Every structure is written in C-alpha cells, then in structure tokens.
Amino acid sequence: MFNYKHMFKTQFIWPFIYLFLVIAMYMVQVSVPEIETTLALYPRHFKYILGVITTVFLHANVSHLSSNVLPLAAGLFSLFYFYKTIAKQVLFISHFLSGLLIWLLARPSFHIGASGLVYALVFFILISALVRKNKQLMVVAFIILVFQNGLIWGVFPQDNQVSWESHLLGALVGILLAVLYRNKGPQNDSEKHWNEDDQQEDEYKALLEGKD
C-alpha cells in the first residue's frame, strides 16, 4: 500500500523547506524591512557575499513573491519527483552556483528573489527532456514555462528593475547541469518495436524445445 505520509516526510521535504523559507522570510521582511539589504546579494562586495545563499528567500513585494512561488514550487516538486537520486545535488548546486555567478558577474545593484533558481530548475528540466527525448519531462517543462510568464524573454536585458542577469545565469546553470547529469535520472522514452519474423522464430524455438 502506498504510504503518502512517508513520501512527504522524505521525498518532498526539501521543496517544502524552500517554499516555507521563501514565505516566512517575506513575512519577516514586512516586519523588519532592513533585513532585505542585510541578506541581499550585491555583486563583488564581500559584505554581501552571504546573499549568494540568502537572496533566494527575499522578495521586494507581494507581486514579486507571487510571481516566483508557483514556478518555484512546480520546479522543485518536479525535480524531486522525476530525479529522485540526484534532486538534492541539482538543487543545491543550482542554488549556490547561480548565486555565485550573480555575485561575480551581475551589474552593481541589489539582487533579490528566487527567479535565478527558478530559471536554473526550469532549464535543467527542459534541456534534460530534450537531451533524453523524454516526452513526459517535456510536458512538465512547458507547463512550468506557462507558469513563469515571459520566462524565455527574461534572459535578455530589459529597461526595468528586473534582474535579467539572475535569469540568464540561472538558465546557464540549469543547462550545464542538464548536460552533466544527462546519464542520471529518467532516461529516454522506450520505443516498442514489433518484429513478426523474430516472434515467429522465438515461437518455433519454443516448440522444438517442447518436443525434446
């Protein structure tokens, strides 16, 4: 019998932890606004190096939070459902590496939000699906793309306050991990081939063995 309680205690514990921290941290920000700059990421300033880890859990307002929570949830649960053996590795590398690249390469400004991680997870799943020719993963990836409206265009420079660098660098991390882990996790859809001659040969051999 399928044990749902066991599944939620083990397989999906990290998605729940991440989503809880994102929402809880925003509630803290509302009460203590100065925490935003304390834990935010500011490129190439060692004072804000902690932001490589913490900025994922910070959001500027409710609109910013709501735009990230749904695609983040979809990406996290999809990752841990389909890539059970490598999910934690992909998540933690995506989180740290995308944050580090933003700190190293992004324009000098405060960068906050989970969108870099979202892009890493979505592009990991999307490129994995294409590399493996796995139709189920492709469907999941495109559903997440629908959740994250304008995701593809988000990697290009924009004349607004959106951190397009986070999007681009997160996407690159996702693509890199999809290539590195291409032989792990769900593989290609199996193709069924029906060969009548082979079947007849197998039946003939079985008949002869039955006469011995």
N, C-alpha and C. Protein backbone atom coordinates (compact mmCIF):
# COMPACT_ATOMS: atom_id res chain seq x y z
N MET A 1 0.84 -1.20 0.00
CA MET A 1 0.00 0.00 0.00
C MET A 1 0.88 1.25 0.00
N PHE A 2 0.50 2.24 -0.81
CA PHE A 2 1.32 3.44 -0.97
C PHE A 2 1.23 4.29 0.30
N ASN A 3 2.37 4.68 0.82
CA ASN A 3 2.43 5.43 2.06
C ASN A 3 2.67 6.91 1.76
N TYR A 4 1.60 7.70 1.73
CA TYR A 4 1.72 9.12 1.41
C TYR A 4 2.50 9.87 2.49
N LYS A 5 2.26 9.50 3.76
CA LYS A 5 2.95 10.19 4.85
C LYS A 5 4.46 10.00 4.74
N HIS A 6 4.90 8.78 4.41
CA HIS A 6 6.32 8.53 4.28
C HIS A 6 6.90 9.33 3.12
N MET A 7 6.15 9.43 2.00
CA MET A 7 6.63 10.16 0.84
C MET A 7 6.85 11.63 1.18
N PHE A 8 5.89 12.23 1.91
CA PHE A 8 6.01 13.65 2.22
C PHE A 8 7.06 13.91 3.28
N LYS A 9 7.40 12.89 4.09
CA LYS A 9 8.46 13.05 5.07
C LYS A 9 9.84 12.98 4.44
N THR A 10 9.95 12.30 3.33
CA THR A 10 11.26 12.05 2.74
C THR A 10 11.44 12.73 1.38
N GLN A 11 10.71 12.27 0.40
CA GLN A 11 10.96 12.71 -0.98
C GLN A 11 10.80 14.21 -1.19
N PHE A 12 9.77 14.81 -0.57
CA PHE A 12 9.48 16.21 -0.85
C PHE A 12 9.82 17.15 0.31
N ILE A 13 10.67 16.70 1.21
CA ILE A 13 10.97 17.55 2.36
C ILE A 13 11.68 18.84 1.95
N TRP A 14 12.60 18.77 0.99
CA TRP A 14 13.34 19.96 0.59
C TRP A 14 12.49 20.97 -0.16
N PRO A 15 11.61 20.54 -1.07
CA PRO A 15 10.69 21.52 -1.67
C PRO A 15 9.86 22.26 -0.62
N PHE A 16 9.36 21.54 0.38
CA PHE A 16 8.57 22.18 1.42
C PHE A 16 9.42 23.15 2.24
N ILE A 17 10.67 22.77 2.52
CA ILE A 17 11.56 23.65 3.28
C ILE A 17 11.81 24.95 2.52
N TYR A 18 12.10 24.84 1.23
CA TYR A 18 12.38 26.03 0.42
C TYR A 18 11.16 26.95 0.35
N LEU A 19 10.00 26.38 0.10
CA LEU A 19 8.79 27.20 -0.02
C LEU A 19 8.44 27.84 1.33
N PHE A 20 8.63 27.10 2.40
CA PHE A 20 8.38 27.65 3.73
C PHE A 20 9.31 28.84 4.01
N LEU A 21 10.59 28.69 3.70
CA LEU A 21 11.56 29.76 3.95
C LEU A 21 11.26 31.00 3.11
N VAL A 22 10.84 30.80 1.86
CA VAL A 22 10.51 31.93 0.99
C VAL A 22 9.36 32.74 1.58
N ILE A 23 8.31 32.04 1.99
CA ILE A 23 7.13 32.72 2.52
C ILE A 23 7.42 33.30 3.91
N ALA A 24 8.09 32.53 4.76
CA ALA A 24 8.40 33.00 6.11
C ALA A 24 9.32 34.22 6.08
N MET A 25 10.30 34.19 5.18
CA MET A 25 11.24 35.31 5.10
C MET A 25 10.55 36.59 4.64
N TYR A 26 9.57 36.44 3.74
CA TYR A 26 8.85 37.64 3.31
C TYR A 26 8.07 38.24 4.47
N MET A 27 7.51 37.39 5.31
CA MET A 27 6.78 37.89 6.49
C MET A 27 7.73 38.61 7.43
N VAL A 28 8.96 38.12 7.54
CA VAL A 28 9.96 38.80 8.36
C VAL A 28 10.32 40.15 7.74
N GLN A 29 10.47 40.18 6.41
CA GLN A 29 10.80 41.42 5.71
C GLN A 29 9.75 42.50 5.96
N VAL A 30 8.49 42.10 5.99
CA VAL A 30 7.41 43.06 6.22
C VAL A 30 7.57 43.71 7.59
N SER A 31 7.98 42.92 8.57
CA SER A 31 8.15 43.43 9.93
C SER A 31 9.48 44.13 10.14
N VAL A 32 10.52 43.62 9.46
CA VAL A 32 11.88 44.18 9.62
C VAL A 32 12.45 44.47 8.22
N PRO A 33 12.05 45.58 7.60
CA PRO A 33 12.46 45.88 6.21
C PRO A 33 13.97 45.91 5.99
N GLU A 34 14.73 46.33 7.02
CA GLU A 34 16.18 46.46 6.84
C GLU A 34 16.88 45.13 6.61
N ILE A 35 16.20 44.02 6.92
CA ILE A 35 16.81 42.71 6.70
C ILE A 35 17.03 42.44 5.22
N GLU A 36 16.24 43.15 4.38
CA GLU A 36 16.35 42.95 2.93
C GLU A 36 17.75 43.29 2.44
N THR A 37 18.27 44.44 2.82
CA THR A 37 19.61 44.82 2.37
C THR A 37 20.70 44.03 3.10
N THR A 38 20.41 43.59 4.31
CA THR A 38 21.40 42.81 5.07
C THR A 38 21.66 41.46 4.42
N LEU A 39 20.61 40.82 3.93
CA LEU A 39 20.73 39.47 3.37
C LEU A 39 20.68 39.44 1.84
N ALA A 40 20.55 40.61 1.23
CA ALA A 40 20.50 40.66 -0.24
C ALA A 40 21.89 40.42 -0.83
N LEU A 41 21.93 40.22 -2.11
CA LEU A 41 23.18 39.99 -2.83
C LEU A 41 23.57 41.28 -3.57
N TYR A 42 24.78 41.72 -3.33
CA TYR A 42 25.32 42.88 -4.07
C TYR A 42 26.64 42.43 -4.69
N PRO A 43 26.70 42.38 -6.03
CA PRO A 43 27.86 41.82 -6.72
C PRO A 43 29.20 42.43 -6.30
N ARG A 44 30.15 41.53 -6.07
CA ARG A 44 31.55 41.84 -5.83
C ARG A 44 31.82 42.65 -4.55
N HIS A 45 30.87 42.66 -3.64
CA HIS A 45 31.06 43.25 -2.33
C HIS A 45 31.04 42.13 -1.29
N PHE A 46 32.15 41.92 -0.62
CA PHE A 46 32.23 40.81 0.33
C PHE A 46 31.28 40.98 1.51
N LYS A 47 30.86 42.20 1.76
CA LYS A 47 29.90 42.45 2.82
C LYS A 47 28.58 41.72 2.54
N TYR A 48 28.31 41.49 1.25
CA TYR A 48 27.04 40.87 0.86
C TYR A 48 27.23 39.48 0.25
N ILE A 49 28.35 38.85 0.54
CA ILE A 49 28.62 37.52 -0.01
C ILE A 49 27.62 36.48 0.51
N LEU A 50 27.10 36.70 1.71
CA LEU A 50 26.10 35.77 2.24
C LEU A 50 24.85 35.74 1.36
N GLY A 51 24.64 36.82 0.62
CA GLY A 51 23.49 36.89 -0.27
C GLY A 51 23.50 35.82 -1.35
N VAL A 52 24.65 35.24 -1.63
CA VAL A 52 24.73 34.13 -2.58
C VAL A 52 23.76 33.02 -2.17
N ILE A 53 23.61 32.84 -0.86
CA ILE A 53 22.71 31.81 -0.32
C ILE A 53 21.34 32.38 0.04
N THR A 54 21.33 33.55 0.69
CA THR A 54 20.10 34.05 1.30
C THR A 54 19.18 34.82 0.35
N THR A 55 19.71 35.37 -0.73
CA THR A 55 18.88 36.24 -1.57
C THR A 55 17.71 35.51 -2.22
N VAL A 56 17.85 34.19 -2.40
CA VAL A 56 16.77 33.39 -2.97
C VAL A 56 15.49 33.51 -2.14
N PHE A 57 15.62 33.74 -0.85
CA PHE A 57 14.46 33.76 0.04
C PHE A 57 13.90 35.16 0.28
N LEU A 58 14.43 36.17 -0.43
CA LEU A 58 13.98 37.54 -0.26
C LEU A 58 13.16 37.99 -1.47
N HIS A 59 12.12 38.80 -1.22
CA HIS A 59 11.30 39.34 -2.32
C HIS A 59 10.87 40.76 -1.99
N ALA A 60 10.78 41.58 -3.03
CA ALA A 60 10.54 43.01 -2.84
C ALA A 60 9.11 43.32 -2.39
N ASN A 61 8.14 42.57 -2.89
CA ASN A 61 6.74 42.84 -2.56
C ASN A 61 5.90 41.59 -2.85
N VAL A 62 4.61 41.68 -2.60
CA VAL A 62 3.72 40.53 -2.79
C VAL A 62 3.69 40.09 -4.24
N SER A 63 3.71 41.05 -5.16
CA SER A 63 3.69 40.72 -6.60
C SER A 63 4.93 39.94 -6.99
N HIS A 64 6.08 40.39 -6.50
CA HIS A 64 7.34 39.70 -6.77
C HIS A 64 7.31 38.29 -6.19
N LEU A 65 6.82 38.17 -4.97
CA LEU A 65 6.72 36.87 -4.31
C LEU A 65 5.80 35.93 -5.06
N SER A 66 4.61 36.39 -5.42
CA SER A 66 3.63 35.53 -6.08
C SER A 66 4.09 35.10 -7.47
N SER A 67 4.87 35.95 -8.15
CA SER A 67 5.35 35.60 -9.48
C SER A 67 6.40 34.50 -9.46
N ASN A 68 7.03 34.31 -8.27
CA ASN A 68 8.08 33.29 -8.15
C ASN A 68 7.63 32.00 -7.46
N VAL A 69 6.66 32.11 -6.55
CA VAL A 69 6.29 30.96 -5.73
C VAL A 69 5.75 29.80 -6.55
N LEU A 70 4.83 30.07 -7.49
CA LEU A 70 4.22 29.00 -8.26
C LEU A 70 5.23 28.27 -9.15
N PRO A 71 6.02 28.98 -9.98
CA PRO A 71 7.01 28.26 -10.79
C PRO A 71 8.09 27.60 -9.95
N LEU A 72 8.44 28.21 -8.79
CA LEU A 72 9.43 27.59 -7.91
C LEU A 72 8.89 26.27 -7.36
N ALA A 73 7.63 26.29 -6.92
CA ALA A 73 7.01 25.07 -6.41
C ALA A 73 6.95 24.00 -7.49
N ALA A 74 6.54 24.39 -8.70
CA ALA A 74 6.45 23.43 -9.81
C ALA A 74 7.82 22.85 -10.13
N GLY A 75 8.84 23.71 -10.15
CA GLY A 75 10.19 23.23 -10.46
C GLY A 75 10.74 22.32 -9.38
N LEU A 76 10.53 22.68 -8.12
CA LEU A 76 11.05 21.87 -7.01
C LEU A 76 10.39 20.49 -6.94
N PHE A 77 9.06 20.48 -6.99
CA PHE A 77 8.36 19.20 -6.88
C PHE A 77 8.61 18.31 -8.10
N SER A 78 8.72 18.92 -9.28
CA SER A 78 9.04 18.14 -10.48
C SER A 78 10.43 17.54 -10.38
N LEU A 79 11.38 18.34 -9.90
CA LEU A 79 12.76 17.87 -9.74
C LEU A 79 12.82 16.67 -8.81
N PHE A 80 12.16 16.77 -7.65
CA PHE A 80 12.24 15.70 -6.66
C PHE A 80 11.36 14.51 -7.01
N TYR A 81 10.40 14.70 -7.90
CA TYR A 81 9.57 13.58 -8.33
C TYR A 81 10.25 12.76 -9.41
N PHE A 82 10.84 13.44 -10.39
CA PHE A 82 11.42 12.74 -11.54
C PHE A 82 12.90 12.38 -11.35
N TYR A 83 13.63 13.16 -10.56
CA TYR A 83 15.08 12.95 -10.43
C TYR A 83 15.44 12.59 -8.99
N LYS A 84 14.81 11.59 -8.46
CA LYS A 84 14.94 11.26 -7.04
C LYS A 84 16.39 11.13 -6.57
N THR A 85 17.24 10.47 -7.36
CA THR A 85 18.60 10.16 -6.90
C THR A 85 19.55 11.35 -6.99
N ILE A 86 19.23 12.33 -7.82
CA ILE A 86 20.14 13.47 -7.98
C ILE A 86 19.48 14.80 -7.65
N ALA A 87 18.25 14.77 -7.16
CA ALA A 87 17.48 16.00 -6.95
C ALA A 87 18.19 16.96 -6.00
N LYS A 88 18.66 16.45 -4.86
CA LYS A 88 19.31 17.33 -3.89
C LYS A 88 20.59 17.94 -4.46
N GLN A 89 21.35 17.15 -5.19
CA GLN A 89 22.57 17.68 -5.80
C GLN A 89 22.26 18.81 -6.77
N VAL A 90 21.27 18.57 -7.63
CA VAL A 90 20.90 19.57 -8.62
C VAL A 90 20.38 20.84 -7.94
N LEU A 91 19.56 20.68 -6.91
CA LEU A 91 19.00 21.83 -6.20
C LEU A 91 20.09 22.66 -5.55
N PHE A 92 20.96 22.03 -4.78
CA PHE A 92 21.97 22.77 -4.02
C PHE A 92 23.01 23.41 -4.96
N ILE A 93 23.40 22.69 -6.00
CA ILE A 93 24.35 23.28 -6.95
C ILE A 93 23.71 24.45 -7.69
N SER A 94 22.45 24.27 -8.10
CA SER A 94 21.73 25.35 -8.79
C SER A 94 21.64 26.59 -7.90
N HIS A 95 21.30 26.38 -6.64
CA HIS A 95 21.15 27.47 -5.68
C HIS A 95 22.48 28.21 -5.50
N PHE A 96 23.53 27.47 -5.17
CA PHE A 96 24.80 28.10 -4.86
C PHE A 96 25.49 28.68 -6.11
N LEU A 97 25.52 27.91 -7.19
CA LEU A 97 26.26 28.34 -8.37
C LEU A 97 25.60 29.53 -9.05
N SER A 98 24.28 29.53 -9.14
CA SER A 98 23.60 30.68 -9.75
C SER A 98 23.83 31.94 -8.90
N GLY A 99 23.76 31.79 -7.57
CA GLY A 99 24.02 32.93 -6.70
C GLY A 99 25.44 33.43 -6.81
N LEU A 100 26.39 32.51 -6.89
CA LEU A 100 27.80 32.90 -7.01
C LEU A 100 28.06 33.63 -8.32
N LEU A 101 27.49 33.15 -9.40
CA LEU A 101 27.68 33.80 -10.71
C LEU A 101 27.06 35.19 -10.73
N ILE A 102 25.92 35.34 -10.08
CA ILE A 102 25.30 36.66 -9.99
C ILE A 102 26.22 37.60 -9.22
N TRP A 103 26.79 37.11 -8.11
CA TRP A 103 27.70 37.93 -7.31
C TRP A 103 28.95 38.31 -8.11
N LEU A 104 29.40 37.43 -8.95
CA LEU A 104 30.62 37.68 -9.72
C LEU A 104 30.39 38.54 -10.96
N LEU A 105 29.24 38.38 -11.61
CA LEU A 105 29.08 38.92 -12.96
C LEU A 105 27.98 39.97 -13.14
N ALA A 106 27.03 40.04 -12.23
CA ALA A 106 25.88 40.93 -12.44
C ALA A 106 26.27 42.40 -12.22
N ARG A 107 25.41 43.29 -12.68
CA ARG A 107 25.66 44.73 -12.51
C ARG A 107 25.60 45.11 -11.03
N PRO A 108 26.29 46.16 -10.63
CA PRO A 108 26.33 46.57 -9.22
C PRO A 108 24.99 47.13 -8.76
N SER A 109 24.22 46.29 -8.13
CA SER A 109 22.92 46.67 -7.61
C SER A 109 22.45 45.53 -6.70
N PHE A 110 21.49 45.79 -5.83
CA PHE A 110 20.97 44.73 -5.00
C PHE A 110 20.12 43.78 -5.85
N HIS A 111 20.39 42.49 -5.70
CA HIS A 111 19.64 41.46 -6.44
C HIS A 111 18.96 40.55 -5.42
N ILE A 112 17.63 40.46 -5.50
CA ILE A 112 16.89 39.60 -4.59
C ILE A 112 15.85 38.80 -5.37
N GLY A 113 15.44 37.69 -4.78
CA GLY A 113 14.39 36.89 -5.39
C GLY A 113 14.86 35.49 -5.78
N ALA A 114 13.89 34.62 -6.01
CA ALA A 114 14.16 33.22 -6.33
C ALA A 114 14.19 32.95 -7.83
N SER A 115 14.09 33.99 -8.64
CA SER A 115 13.97 33.76 -10.08
C SER A 115 15.21 33.11 -10.69
N GLY A 116 16.40 33.39 -10.15
CA GLY A 116 17.60 32.73 -10.66
C GLY A 116 17.52 31.23 -10.46
N LEU A 117 17.07 30.81 -9.28
CA LEU A 117 16.90 29.39 -9.00
C LEU A 117 15.79 28.80 -9.85
N VAL A 118 14.71 29.55 -10.03
CA VAL A 118 13.59 29.09 -10.88
C VAL A 118 14.09 28.81 -12.29
N TYR A 119 14.85 29.73 -12.85
CA TYR A 119 15.37 29.55 -14.21
C TYR A 119 16.30 28.34 -14.28
N ALA A 120 17.12 28.15 -13.25
CA ALA A 120 18.03 27.00 -13.23
C ALA A 120 17.24 25.69 -13.25
N LEU A 121 16.21 25.60 -12.43
CA LEU A 121 15.43 24.37 -12.35
C LEU A 121 14.64 24.12 -13.63
N VAL A 122 14.01 25.16 -14.16
CA VAL A 122 13.20 25.01 -15.37
C VAL A 122 14.06 24.61 -16.56
N PHE A 123 15.20 25.28 -16.72
CA PHE A 123 16.05 24.95 -17.87
C PHE A 123 16.72 23.60 -17.68
N PHE A 124 16.99 23.21 -16.44
CA PHE A 124 17.51 21.86 -16.21
C PHE A 124 16.50 20.82 -16.69
N ILE A 125 15.24 20.97 -16.29
CA ILE A 125 14.21 20.01 -16.68
C ILE A 125 13.96 20.06 -18.18
N LEU A 126 13.90 21.27 -18.75
CA LEU A 126 13.63 21.41 -20.18
C LEU A 126 14.73 20.80 -21.03
N ILE A 127 15.98 21.14 -20.75
CA ILE A 127 17.10 20.61 -21.55
C ILE A 127 17.26 19.11 -21.31
N SER A 128 17.04 18.67 -20.07
CA SER A 128 17.08 17.22 -19.79
C SER A 128 16.06 16.49 -20.65
N ALA A 129 14.85 17.06 -20.75
CA ALA A 129 13.79 16.44 -21.54
C ALA A 129 14.19 16.34 -23.01
N LEU A 130 14.81 17.40 -23.53
CA LEU A 130 15.22 17.40 -24.93
C LEU A 130 16.38 16.44 -25.18
N VAL A 131 17.35 16.44 -24.27
CA VAL A 131 18.51 15.56 -24.42
C VAL A 131 18.09 14.10 -24.35
N ARG A 132 17.19 13.79 -23.42
CA ARG A 132 16.76 12.41 -23.21
C ARG A 132 15.61 12.00 -24.12
N LYS A 133 15.01 12.99 -24.82
CA LYS A 133 13.84 12.74 -25.66
C LYS A 133 12.72 12.10 -24.85
N ASN A 134 12.55 12.66 -23.65
CA ASN A 134 11.54 12.16 -22.72
C ASN A 134 10.31 13.07 -22.79
N LYS A 135 9.23 12.54 -23.35
CA LYS A 135 8.03 13.35 -23.60
C LYS A 135 7.38 13.81 -22.31
N GLN A 136 7.40 12.97 -21.29
CA GLN A 136 6.78 13.33 -20.02
C GLN A 136 7.46 14.53 -19.40
N LEU A 137 8.79 14.54 -19.45
CA LEU A 137 9.54 15.68 -18.92
C LEU A 137 9.29 16.94 -19.74
N MET A 138 9.16 16.78 -21.05
CA MET A 138 8.88 17.93 -21.91
C MET A 138 7.56 18.60 -21.52
N VAL A 139 6.55 17.78 -21.28
CA VAL A 139 5.25 18.32 -20.88
C VAL A 139 5.37 19.10 -19.58
N VAL A 140 6.09 18.53 -18.61
CA VAL A 140 6.29 19.19 -17.32
C VAL A 140 7.00 20.52 -17.50
N ALA A 141 8.06 20.53 -18.31
CA ALA A 141 8.85 21.74 -18.53
C ALA A 141 8.00 22.84 -19.16
N PHE A 142 7.18 22.49 -20.13
CA PHE A 142 6.36 23.50 -20.80
C PHE A 142 5.23 24.00 -19.91
N ILE A 143 4.74 23.16 -19.02
CA ILE A 143 3.74 23.62 -18.05
C ILE A 143 4.35 24.67 -17.13
N ILE A 144 5.59 24.42 -16.69
CA ILE A 144 6.27 25.39 -15.83
C ILE A 144 6.53 26.69 -16.59
N LEU A 145 6.86 26.57 -17.87
CA LEU A 145 7.07 27.76 -18.70
C LEU A 145 5.81 28.62 -18.75
N VAL A 146 4.66 27.96 -18.77
CA VAL A 146 3.40 28.70 -18.76
C VAL A 146 3.22 29.43 -17.44
N PHE A 147 3.61 28.77 -16.32
CA PHE A 147 3.51 29.41 -15.01
C PHE A 147 4.38 30.67 -14.95
N GLN A 148 5.60 30.56 -15.47
CA GLN A 148 6.55 31.67 -15.43
C GLN A 148 6.41 32.46 -16.71
N ASN A 149 5.42 33.33 -16.76
CA ASN A 149 5.12 34.09 -17.97
C ASN A 149 6.33 34.92 -18.42
N GLY A 150 6.68 34.78 -19.70
CA GLY A 150 7.79 35.53 -20.25
C GLY A 150 9.14 35.00 -19.85
N LEU A 151 9.22 33.73 -19.47
CA LEU A 151 10.47 33.17 -18.96
C LEU A 151 11.59 33.25 -19.99
N ILE A 152 11.32 32.91 -21.22
CA ILE A 152 12.36 32.92 -22.25
C ILE A 152 12.91 34.33 -22.46
N TRP A 153 12.00 35.32 -22.54
CA TRP A 153 12.45 36.69 -22.78
C TRP A 153 13.14 37.29 -21.57
N GLY A 154 12.96 36.67 -20.42
CA GLY A 154 13.56 37.21 -19.20
C GLY A 154 15.07 37.15 -19.15
N VAL A 155 15.70 36.38 -20.04
CA VAL A 155 17.16 36.27 -20.03
C VAL A 155 17.84 37.40 -20.80
N PHE A 156 17.03 38.27 -21.42
CA PHE A 156 17.61 39.38 -22.19
C PHE A 156 17.52 40.67 -21.39
N PRO A 157 18.47 41.61 -21.63
CA PRO A 157 18.46 42.89 -20.91
C PRO A 157 17.12 43.61 -21.10
N GLN A 158 16.62 44.18 -20.01
CA GLN A 158 15.34 44.87 -20.04
C GLN A 158 15.49 46.24 -19.38
N ASP A 159 14.69 47.16 -19.86
CA ASP A 159 14.75 48.52 -19.33
C ASP A 159 13.80 48.65 -18.13
N ASN A 160 14.09 47.90 -17.09
CA ASN A 160 13.30 47.95 -15.87
C ASN A 160 14.16 47.47 -14.71
N GLN A 161 13.55 47.22 -13.57
CA GLN A 161 14.31 46.84 -12.38
C GLN A 161 14.43 45.32 -12.23
N VAL A 162 14.09 44.60 -13.26
CA VAL A 162 14.19 43.14 -13.22
C VAL A 162 15.65 42.71 -13.37
N SER A 163 16.09 41.78 -12.55
CA SER A 163 17.46 41.27 -12.62
C SER A 163 17.54 40.20 -13.72
N TRP A 164 17.69 40.68 -14.96
CA TRP A 164 17.76 39.74 -16.08
C TRP A 164 19.03 38.89 -15.98
N GLU A 165 20.07 39.42 -15.32
CA GLU A 165 21.30 38.64 -15.15
C GLU A 165 21.03 37.38 -14.33
N SER A 166 20.17 37.51 -13.30
CA SER A 166 19.82 36.33 -12.49
C SER A 166 19.15 35.28 -13.36
N HIS A 167 18.28 35.73 -14.25
CA HIS A 167 17.57 34.81 -15.14
C HIS A 167 18.55 34.11 -16.09
N LEU A 168 19.40 34.91 -16.72
CA LEU A 168 20.34 34.36 -17.70
C LEU A 168 21.32 33.40 -17.04
N LEU A 169 21.91 33.81 -15.92
CA LEU A 169 22.91 32.97 -15.26
C LEU A 169 22.27 31.72 -14.67
N GLY A 170 21.07 31.85 -14.14
CA GLY A 170 20.34 30.67 -13.66
C GLY A 170 20.06 29.69 -14.78
N ALA A 171 19.64 30.22 -15.93
CA ALA A 171 19.37 29.36 -17.09
C ALA A 171 20.63 28.62 -17.53
N LEU A 172 21.76 29.32 -17.55
CA LEU A 172 23.03 28.69 -17.95
C LEU A 172 23.43 27.58 -16.98
N VAL A 173 23.20 27.81 -15.69
CA VAL A 173 23.49 26.78 -14.70
C VAL A 173 22.61 25.55 -14.94
N GLY A 174 21.33 25.78 -15.21
CA GLY A 174 20.41 24.67 -15.48
C GLY A 174 20.82 23.87 -16.70
N ILE A 175 21.23 24.56 -17.76
CA ILE A 175 21.67 23.89 -18.98
C ILE A 175 22.93 23.06 -18.70
N LEU A 176 23.89 23.66 -17.98
CA LEU A 176 25.13 22.95 -17.65
C LEU A 176 24.85 21.68 -16.87
N LEU A 177 23.98 21.76 -15.86
CA LEU A 177 23.68 20.59 -15.04
C LEU A 177 22.91 19.53 -15.83
N ALA A 178 22.07 19.97 -16.75
CA ALA A 178 21.33 19.01 -17.58
C ALA A 178 22.29 18.19 -18.43
N VAL A 179 23.35 18.82 -18.91
CA VAL A 179 24.35 18.11 -19.72
C VAL A 179 25.20 17.19 -18.83
N LEU A 180 25.62 17.72 -17.68
CA LEU A 180 26.48 16.93 -16.78
C LEU A 180 25.76 15.70 -16.24
N TYR A 181 24.46 15.83 -15.97
CA TYR A 181 23.68 14.74 -15.39
C TYR A 181 22.82 14.02 -16.43
N ARG A 182 23.20 14.11 -17.69
CA ARG A 182 22.36 13.54 -18.76
C ARG A 182 22.20 12.03 -18.66
N ASN A 183 23.13 11.36 -17.99
CA ASN A 183 23.04 9.89 -17.88
C ASN A 183 22.46 9.44 -16.55
N LYS A 184 21.95 10.39 -15.76
CA LYS A 184 21.35 10.04 -14.48
C LYS A 184 19.91 10.54 -14.46
N GLY A 185 19.08 9.85 -13.67
CA GLY A 185 17.68 10.23 -13.61
C GLY A 185 16.88 9.54 -14.69
N PRO A 186 15.65 10.00 -14.99
CA PRO A 186 14.80 9.37 -16.01
C PRO A 186 15.45 9.42 -17.37
N GLN A 187 15.41 8.34 -18.10
CA GLN A 187 16.06 8.26 -19.41
C GLN A 187 15.05 8.38 -20.55
N ASN A 188 15.52 8.09 -21.76
CA ASN A 188 14.68 8.23 -22.94
C ASN A 188 13.43 7.37 -22.85
N ASP A 189 12.36 7.83 -23.50
CA ASP A 189 11.17 7.00 -23.60
C ASP A 189 11.52 5.75 -24.39
N SER A 190 11.14 4.61 -23.87
CA SER A 190 11.43 3.36 -24.58
C SER A 190 10.54 3.24 -25.80
N GLU A 191 11.13 2.82 -26.90
CA GLU A 191 10.39 2.64 -28.14
C GLU A 191 10.13 1.16 -28.36
N LYS A 192 8.87 0.83 -28.61
CA LYS A 192 8.50 -0.55 -28.81
C LYS A 192 8.55 -0.89 -30.30
N HIS A 193 9.24 -1.97 -30.60
CA HIS A 193 9.35 -2.43 -31.98
C HIS A 193 8.73 -3.82 -32.08
N TRP A 194 7.92 -4.02 -33.09
CA TRP A 194 7.25 -5.31 -33.29
C TRP A 194 7.83 -5.96 -34.54
N ASN A 195 8.51 -7.06 -34.33
CA ASN A 195 9.12 -7.76 -35.45
C ASN A 195 8.49 -9.14 -35.55
N GLU A 196 7.66 -9.33 -36.58
CA GLU A 196 6.90 -10.56 -36.71
C GLU A 196 7.81 -11.76 -36.94
N ASP A 197 8.88 -11.55 -37.72
CA ASP A 197 9.80 -12.66 -38.01
C ASP A 197 10.49 -13.15 -36.74
N ASP A 198 10.92 -12.19 -35.88
CA ASP A 198 11.57 -12.56 -34.63
C ASP A 198 10.62 -13.31 -33.72
N GLN A 199 9.36 -12.87 -33.70
CA GLN A 199 8.38 -13.54 -32.84
C GLN A 199 8.15 -14.97 -33.31
N GLN A 200 8.02 -15.14 -34.64
CA GLN A 200 7.80 -16.47 -35.17
C GLN A 200 8.98 -17.38 -34.89
N GLU A 201 10.22 -16.82 -34.97
CA GLU A 201 11.42 -17.61 -34.69
C GLU A 201 11.44 -18.06 -33.24
N ASP A 202 11.05 -17.13 -32.31
CA ASP A 202 11.01 -17.48 -30.89
C ASP A 202 9.98 -18.57 -30.62
N GLU A 203 8.83 -18.47 -31.28
CA GLU A 203 7.79 -19.48 -31.09
C GLU A 203 8.25 -20.84 -31.63
N TYR A 204 8.99 -20.85 -32.76
CA TYR A 204 9.47 -22.09 -33.36
C TYR A 204 10.49 -22.77 -32.44
N LYS A 205 11.38 -21.93 -31.83
CA LYS A 205 12.38 -22.47 -30.91
C LYS A 205 11.70 -23.08 -29.68
N ALA A 206 10.68 -22.37 -29.18
CA ALA A 206 9.97 -22.88 -28.02
C ALA A 206 9.26 -24.20 -28.33
N LEU A 207 8.74 -24.32 -29.56
CA LEU A 207 8.05 -25.55 -29.97
C LEU A 207 9.04 -26.71 -30.03
N LEU A 208 10.23 -26.46 -30.58
CA LEU A 208 11.24 -27.52 -30.68
C LEU A 208 11.71 -27.95 -29.29
N GLU A 209 11.87 -26.99 -28.40
CA GLU A 209 12.31 -27.33 -27.04
C GLU A 209 11.25 -28.16 -26.32
N GLY A 210 10.00 -27.91 -26.65
CA GLY A 210 8.92 -28.66 -26.03
C GLY A 210 8.86 -30.11 -26.50
N LYS A 211 9.44 -30.42 -27.70
CA LYS A 211 9.42 -31.78 -28.24
C LYS A 211 10.53 -32.64 -27.67
N ASP A 212 11.57 -32.02 -27.09
CA ASP A 212 12.70 -32.78 -26.57
C ASP A 212 12.31 -33.60 -25.34
